[in-house]
Each structure stands twice: as C-alpha cells, then as structure tokens.
Protein backbone atom coordinates (compact mmCIF):
# COMPACT_ATOMS: atom_id res chain seq x y z
CA MET A 1 0.11 0.07 -0.08
CA MET A 2 2.68 2.58 0.88
CA ALA A 3 4.55 1.68 -2.44
CA GLN A 4 1.27 2.54 -4.26
CA VAL A 5 0.66 6.00 -1.75
CA ASP A 6 4.22 6.75 -2.80
CA VAL A 7 3.89 6.39 -6.55
CA LEU A 8 0.62 7.90 -6.87
CA LYS A 9 1.87 10.94 -4.93
CA ASP A 10 5.21 11.43 -6.94
CA HIS A 11 2.92 11.63 -10.08
CA GLY A 12 0.87 14.37 -8.44
CA HIS A 13 -2.43 12.53 -7.90
CA PRO A 14 -4.44 14.24 -5.08
CA TYR A 15 -4.38 13.07 -1.54
CA SER A 16 -8.24 12.21 -1.52
CA GLU A 17 -7.40 9.83 -5.11
CA ILE A 18 -4.37 8.26 -2.82
CA ALA A 19 -6.25 7.60 0.07
CA ASN A 20 -9.00 6.05 -1.80
CA GLU A 21 -7.40 4.10 -4.24
CA SER A 22 -4.66 2.93 -1.85
CA ILE A 23 -5.99 2.07 1.50
CA ILE A 24 -9.99 2.99 1.87
CA GLU A 25 -10.84 0.45 -0.96
CA ALA A 26 -8.87 -1.93 0.29
CA VAL A 27 -10.01 -1.76 4.07
CA ASP A 28 -13.72 -1.37 2.94
CA SER A 29 -13.84 -3.37 0.26
CA LEU A 30 -10.96 -5.82 -0.92
CA ASN A 31 -10.20 -7.24 2.28
CA PRO A 32 -13.62 -8.16 3.42
CA TYR A 33 -14.44 -9.52 0.41
CA MET A 34 -10.93 -11.45 0.40
CA SER A 35 -11.77 -12.92 3.80
CA HIS A 36 -15.36 -13.73 3.11
CA ASN A 37 -14.98 -15.36 -0.47
CA GLY A 38 -11.32 -16.41 -0.06
CA VAL A 39 -8.18 -15.08 -1.96
CA SER A 40 -8.72 -17.95 -4.71
CA TYR A 41 -12.29 -16.77 -5.42
CA MET A 42 -10.99 -13.47 -5.73
CA VAL A 43 -7.99 -14.63 -8.28
CA ASP A 44 -10.27 -16.74 -10.26
CA ASN A 45 -12.51 -14.09 -10.93
CA CYS A 46 -10.08 -11.27 -12.10
CA SER A 47 -8.83 -10.55 -15.62
CA THR A 48 -6.81 -12.96 -17.37
CA THR A 49 -3.88 -11.10 -17.16
CA ALA A 50 -4.21 -10.79 -13.21
CA ARG A 51 -4.75 -14.32 -12.68
CA LEU A 52 -1.89 -15.47 -14.66
CA GLY A 53 0.42 -12.58 -12.76
CA ALA A 54 -1.07 -13.70 -9.19
CA ARG A 55 -0.22 -17.59 -9.90
CA LYS A 56 3.16 -16.72 -11.38
CA TRP A 57 4.40 -14.73 -8.45
CA ALA A 58 2.14 -15.99 -5.60
CA SER A 59 4.67 -18.73 -4.71
CA ARG A 60 7.55 -16.34 -5.01
CA PHE A 61 5.93 -13.67 -2.70
CA ASP A 62 4.89 -16.47 -0.15
CA TYR A 63 8.94 -17.40 0.10
CA ILE A 64 9.97 -13.70 0.29
CA LEU A 65 7.54 -13.61 3.25
CA LYS A 66 8.19 -17.04 5.23
CA GLN A 67 11.95 -16.93 4.62
CA GLN A 68 13.01 -13.52 4.46
CA ALA A 69 10.65 -11.05 6.16
CA PHE A 70 8.84 -13.07 8.97
CA PRO A 71 12.37 -14.11 10.32
CA ILE A 72 13.25 -10.64 10.50
CA ILE A 73 10.14 -9.32 11.96
CA GLY A 74 9.87 -12.24 14.62
CA GLY A 75 13.48 -11.83 15.77
CA ALA A 76 14.95 -9.65 18.45
CA SER A 77 16.06 -7.47 15.87
CA VAL A 78 13.94 -5.77 13.19
CA GLY A 79 17.46 -4.71 11.46
CA ASP A 80 16.76 -1.48 9.31
CA ASN A 81 13.93 0.63 10.64
CA THR A 82 14.02 3.02 7.53
CA PRO A 83 10.68 1.47 5.97
CA PHE A 84 8.81 1.36 9.45
CA ASP A 85 10.06 5.06 10.27
CA LYS A 86 9.04 6.10 6.80
CA PHE A 87 5.66 4.17 7.18
CA LEU A 88 5.19 6.15 10.42
CA ALA A 89 6.11 9.53 9.05
CA SER A 90 3.75 9.53 6.04
CA ASP A 91 1.78 12.20 5.70
CA ILE A 92 -1.11 9.74 4.55
CA HIS A 93 -1.91 8.91 7.98
CA GLU A 94 -2.91 12.72 8.45
CA VAL A 95 -5.19 12.57 5.33
CA LEU A 96 -6.81 9.50 6.55
CA ALA A 97 -7.80 11.20 9.55
CA VAL A 98 -9.30 13.76 7.63
CA CYS A 99 -11.33 11.40 5.08
CA ALA A 100 -12.71 9.54 8.32
CA GLU A 101 -14.04 12.66 9.90
CA LEU A 102 -15.70 13.30 6.69
CA ARG A 103 -17.38 9.90 5.51
CA PRO A 104 -20.24 8.54 7.13
CA SER A 105 -19.72 5.27 8.92
CA VAL A 106 -19.95 2.49 6.76
CA ASP A 107 -21.42 -1.05 7.60
CA ILE A 108 -20.25 -4.11 5.33
CA SER A 109 -22.09 -6.92 4.93
CA LEU A 110 -21.31 -10.15 2.85
CA VAL A 111 -23.90 -12.83 2.72
CA PRO A 112 -23.27 -16.51 1.37
CA ARG A 113 -24.22 -16.99 -2.18
C-alpha cells in the first residue's frame, strides 16, 4: 500500500485519490471480500492477466514472506528501521484521519451465495 501511495504522490495525484485508491478501498471492500470468499475466489474472478500474474508470483511472494520477512520481524532485532520509520512519518495518516471525519460510517455486509 505504501508503495502505491508513494507512486501516486510522486505522479501528482490528489491526496483524496491516493487515500481512496490505496487504502480505503482495500480496507472497506477488498479485504472483507477476500476474507469472505477467499483469495482463490478473488483470483479466479480477475482478468486473465491478473489471474496469471497472481499465480506466477504467489509462490515467490510466499517464499519471500516466510523465509525473509517473517524471520526478520519475529527476531529480536528488526534490522533496518527505515521502512517502518518512513511508514510512521508518512503524511497519508493525516489524510486518512481527515477522510474518516468526512465520511459516514460504513457497515459492510457479505452474505453467503
């Protein structure tokens, strides 16, 4: 998400779009949908390009998480704090706080098919 935030910001997109496209849609729509239907269902219903890409890169991404990222995070020392510090210092947090004040509460409901 933060990479998408950075790319959109670097290309001059407005903060409202950055917050909505990068975080709000994921939290309000995509994550509950994936949780309800499962990731496989979501991938199977994507475009051919997205489906093939997800299947090609899934094992590589899984390996990187399990063999590289999780051991570092779970260890006594996180190592380079730069990504975490950059995340905590990002101005997107302020943007999301303003967005949260402006929008009505949203109740998400997913029902079995």
